Every structure is written in C-alpha cells, then in structure tokens.
Amino acid sequence: MKRIQIIKTAAGAACMTFALLASAQTTTAPAGSSETVGQHVDDATVTTKVKAELLGAKNVKSTHIHVKTHNGVVSLTGTVPSAQDRDNAKQVVEGVTGVASVKNHLKVAAGS
C-alpha cells in the first residue's frame, strides 16, 4: 500500500515539474486559439495542480478521474467508486489555487 502512495506522490511531483517547465517555455498562443498565452499556461498549471492534489488526497480514489481546465473552470469526468469520492473530489479541487469553479461530471461506478 505504501508503494502505491509513493508512486502517486512521484507522479504528482512529475506532473508539477512538467507544468512548470512547460509554462516557462511557452511564448506564443496556440495557433487558431482565442486564448492568450497567459490563459493557456494558467489553465495547464491549474490542471496539473488539480491532478497532483487528487493523487495525493487520501479521501479520494482518483485513478479514473479526468481533469480539464478552461479559464479557471475545472471539469471533472470519469468514474469513482462512491458518491462520497465524487463529493470529496469536488471539495479537493475547490481548494486548489487558481480554480474559479468546478463542473463535477463524475459518475459513480455501477455496483458500488
């Protein structure tokens, strides 16, 4: 069990490092996008922070949660084992810096 937590922590750290490096290298807006460079970088950073927080949260089983961010609005999709996990995931995400609001589209897995 400790091994899984170590792997989750390492993955979260890797995600944060990647986001910070990607934001440092981004200098132009994506082609065909109405987003500014700052919005794109901020959304990517928020997404990475949210994923890291979900991975580290002891009260959320987050292996099947997908995260997307647009203008600070975080959308959660995927499945969780219980309604409590769904609610806990939303609560964790709302506490992340840079999150304006949360659209919680998580489904409770059948048979849970």
C-alpha atoms as a PDB file:
ATOM      1  CA  MET A   1       0.000   0.000   0.000  1.00  0.00           C
ATOM      2  CA  LYS A   2       2.882   2.340   0.794  1.00  0.00           C
ATOM      3  CA  ARG A   3       4.313   1.601  -2.632  1.00  0.00           C
ATOM      4  CA  ILE A   4       1.153   2.893  -4.337  1.00  0.00           C
ATOM      5  CA  GLN A   5       1.251   6.112  -2.281  1.00  0.00           C
ATOM      6  CA  ILE A   6       4.916   6.623  -3.190  1.00  0.00           C
ATOM      7  CA  ILE A   7       4.105   6.120  -6.878  1.00  0.00           C
ATOM      8  CA  LYS A   8       1.185   8.581  -6.649  1.00  0.00           C
ATOM      9  CA  THR A   9       3.378  11.166  -4.925  1.00  0.00           C
ATOM     10  CA  ALA A  10       6.142  10.749  -7.511  1.00  0.00           C
ATOM     11  CA  ALA A  11       3.620  11.070 -10.350  1.00  0.00           C
ATOM     12  CA  GLY A  12       2.209  14.233  -8.805  1.00  0.00           C
ATOM     13  CA  ALA A  13       5.682  15.728  -8.461  1.00  0.00           C
ATOM     14  CA  ALA A  14       6.482  14.810 -12.069  1.00  0.00           C
ATOM     15  CA  CYS A  15       3.262  16.475 -13.251  1.00  0.00           C
ATOM     16  CA  MET A  16       4.077  19.662 -11.337  1.00  0.00           C
ATOM     17  CA  THR A  17       7.615  19.735 -12.728  1.00  0.00           C
ATOM     18  CA  PHE A  18       6.344  19.222 -16.269  1.00  0.00           C
ATOM     19  CA  ALA A  19       3.783  22.030 -15.908  1.00  0.00           C
ATOM     20  CA  LEU A  20       6.346  24.446 -14.543  1.00  0.00           C
ATOM     21  CA  LEU A  21       8.802  23.631 -17.320  1.00  0.00           C
ATOM     22  CA  ALA A  22       6.099  23.858 -19.994  1.00  0.00           C
ATOM     23  CA  SER A  23       4.905  27.225 -18.708  1.00  0.00           C
ATOM     24  CA  ALA A  24       8.451  28.558 -18.689  1.00  0.00           C
ATOM     25  CA  GLN A  25       8.918  27.590 -22.345  1.00  0.00           C
ATOM     26  CA  THR A  26       5.581  28.837 -23.718  1.00  0.00           C
ATOM     27  CA  THR A  27       5.954  32.165 -25.502  1.00  0.00           C
ATOM     28  CA  THR A  28       3.173  32.224 -28.099  1.00  0.00           C
ATOM     29  CA  ALA A  29      -0.523  31.424 -28.122  1.00  0.00           C
ATOM     30  CA  PRO A  30      -1.601  28.144 -29.701  1.00  0.00           C
ATOM     31  CA  ALA A  31      -2.492  28.518 -33.382  1.00  0.00           C
ATOM     32  CA  GLY A  32      -6.174  29.188 -34.025  1.00  0.00           C
ATOM     33  CA  SER A  33      -6.876  29.790 -30.348  1.00  0.00           C
ATOM     34  CA  SER A  34      -8.689  32.734 -28.834  1.00  0.00           C
ATOM     35  CA  GLU A  35      -6.848  32.102 -25.560  1.00  0.00           C
ATOM     36  CA  THR A  36      -3.968  34.314 -24.585  1.00  0.00           C
ATOM     37  CA  VAL A  37      -0.648  32.747 -23.699  1.00  0.00           C
ATOM     38  CA  GLY A  38      -1.286  33.534 -20.037  1.00  0.00           C
ATOM     39  CA  GLN A  39      -4.690  31.825 -20.054  1.00  0.00           C
ATOM     40  CA  HIS A  40      -3.299  28.721 -21.745  1.00  0.00           C
ATOM     41  CA  VAL A  41      -0.398  28.458 -19.307  1.00  0.00           C
ATOM     42  CA  ASP A  42      -2.601  29.191 -16.291  1.00  0.00           C
ATOM     43  CA  ASP A  43      -5.130  26.537 -17.318  1.00  0.00           C
ATOM     44  CA  ALA A  44      -2.380  23.961 -17.850  1.00  0.00           C
ATOM     45  CA  THR A  45      -0.878  24.826 -14.476  1.00  0.00           C
ATOM     46  CA  VAL A  46      -4.259  24.607 -12.729  1.00  0.00           C
ATOM     47  CA  THR A  47      -4.932  21.232 -14.379  1.00  0.00           C
ATOM     48  CA  THR A  48      -1.577  19.920 -13.180  1.00  0.00           C
ATOM     49  CA  LYS A  49      -2.114  21.238  -9.652  1.00  0.00           C
ATOM     50  CA  VAL A  50      -5.579  19.657  -9.542  1.00  0.00           C
ATOM     51  CA  LYS A  51      -4.253  16.281 -10.738  1.00  0.00           C
ATOM     52  CA  ALA A  52      -1.475  16.373  -8.152  1.00  0.00           C
ATOM     53  CA  GLU A  53      -3.902  17.243  -5.356  1.00  0.00           C
ATOM     54  CA  LEU A  54      -6.294  14.478  -6.385  1.00  0.00           C
ATOM     55  CA  LEU A  55      -3.440  11.954  -6.495  1.00  0.00           C
ATOM     56  CA  GLY A  56      -2.317  12.994  -3.031  1.00  0.00           C
ATOM     57  CA  ALA A  57      -5.787  13.103  -1.469  1.00  0.00           C
ATOM     58  CA  LYS A  58      -6.281  10.193   0.902  1.00  0.00           C
ATOM     59  CA  ASN A  59     -10.064  10.532   0.820  1.00  0.00           C
ATOM     60  CA  VAL A  60     -10.416  10.245  -2.986  1.00  0.00           C
ATOM     61  CA  LYS A  61      -9.856   7.243  -5.224  1.00  0.00           C
ATOM     62  CA  SER A  62      -8.715   9.236  -8.254  1.00  0.00           C
ATOM     63  CA  THR A  63      -7.335   6.728 -10.752  1.00  0.00           C
ATOM     64  CA  HIS A  64     -10.238   7.212 -13.183  1.00  0.00           C
ATOM     65  CA  ILE A  65     -10.750  10.983 -12.874  1.00  0.00           C
ATOM     66  CA  HIS A  66     -10.011  13.150 -15.902  1.00  0.00           C
ATOM     67  CA  VAL A  67      -9.350  16.864 -15.479  1.00  0.00           C
ATOM     68  CA  LYS A  68      -9.720  19.700 -17.981  1.00  0.00           C
ATOM     69  CA  THR A  69      -9.474  23.422 -17.263  1.00  0.00           C
ATOM     70  CA  HIS A  70     -10.712  26.347 -19.337  1.00  0.00           C
ATOM     71  CA  ASN A  71     -10.459  29.908 -17.994  1.00  0.00           C
ATOM     72  CA  GLY A  72     -10.114  28.574 -14.453  1.00  0.00           C
ATOM     73  CA  VAL A  73     -13.220  26.382 -14.683  1.00  0.00           C
ATOM     74  CA  VAL A  74     -12.238  22.795 -13.906  1.00  0.00           C
ATOM     75  CA  SER A  75     -14.280  19.952 -15.412  1.00  0.00           C
ATOM     76  CA  LEU A  76     -14.065  16.562 -13.755  1.00  0.00           C
ATOM     77  CA  THR A  77     -15.125  13.493 -15.740  1.00  0.00           C
ATOM     78  CA  GLY A  78     -14.713   9.776 -15.281  1.00  0.00           C
ATOM     79  CA  THR A  79     -15.793   7.312 -12.630  1.00  0.00           C
ATOM     80  CA  VAL A  80     -15.358   6.981  -8.893  1.00  0.00           C
ATOM     81  CA  PRO A  81     -16.354   4.106  -6.613  1.00  0.00           C
ATOM     82  CA  SER A  82     -18.810   6.095  -4.447  1.00  0.00           C
ATOM     83  CA  ALA A  83     -20.831   9.283  -4.107  1.00  0.00           C
ATOM     84  CA  GLN A  84     -18.543  10.191  -1.203  1.00  0.00           C
ATOM     85  CA  ASP A  85     -15.499  10.018  -3.528  1.00  0.00           C
ATOM     86  CA  ARG A  86     -17.337  12.245  -6.029  1.00  0.00           C
ATOM     87  CA  ASP A  87     -18.067  14.838  -3.332  1.00  0.00           C
ATOM     88  CA  ASN A  88     -14.578  14.613  -1.855  1.00  0.00           C
ATOM     89  CA  ALA A  89     -13.003  15.113  -5.298  1.00  0.00           C
ATOM     90  CA  LYS A  90     -15.003  18.305  -5.832  1.00  0.00           C
ATOM     91  CA  GLN A  91     -14.041  19.571  -2.390  1.00  0.00           C
ATOM     92  CA  VAL A  92     -10.338  18.897  -3.022  1.00  0.00           C
ATOM     93  CA  VAL A  93     -10.457  20.669  -6.403  1.00  0.00           C
ATOM     94  CA  GLU A  94     -12.245  23.711  -4.990  1.00  0.00           C
ATOM     95  CA  GLY A  95      -9.313  24.194  -2.611  1.00  0.00           C
ATOM     96  CA  VAL A  96      -6.712  24.445  -5.382  1.00  0.00           C
ATOM     97  CA  THR A  97      -5.329  27.904  -6.103  1.00  0.00           C
ATOM     98  CA  GLY A  98      -6.458  29.195  -9.498  1.00  0.00           C
ATOM     99  CA  VAL A  99      -9.715  27.224  -9.635  1.00  0.00           C
ATOM    100  CA  ALA A 100     -12.623  29.587 -10.346  1.00  0.00           C
ATOM    101  CA  SER A 101     -15.315  26.885 -10.262  1.00  0.00           C
ATOM    102  CA  VAL A 102     -15.788  23.132 -10.642  1.00  0.00           C
ATOM    103  CA  LYS A 103     -18.064  21.237 -13.032  1.00  0.00           C
ATOM    104  CA  ASN A 104     -18.372  17.835 -11.410  1.00  0.00           C
ATOM    105  CA  HIS A 105     -19.445  15.309 -14.068  1.00  0.00           C
ATOM    106  CA  LEU A 106     -18.055  12.312 -12.180  1.00  0.00           C
ATOM    107  CA  LYS A 107     -20.161   9.149 -12.309  1.00  0.00           C
ATOM    108  CA  VAL A 108     -20.403   6.601  -9.548  1.00  0.00           C
ATOM    109  CA  ALA A 109     -19.289   3.213 -10.880  1.00  0.00           C
ATOM    110  CA  ALA A 110     -22.096   0.657 -11.225  1.00  0.00           C
ATOM    111  CA  GLY A 111     -22.198  -1.909  -8.464  1.00  0.00           C
ATOM    112  CA  SER A 112     -20.564   0.385  -5.920  1.00  0.00           C
END
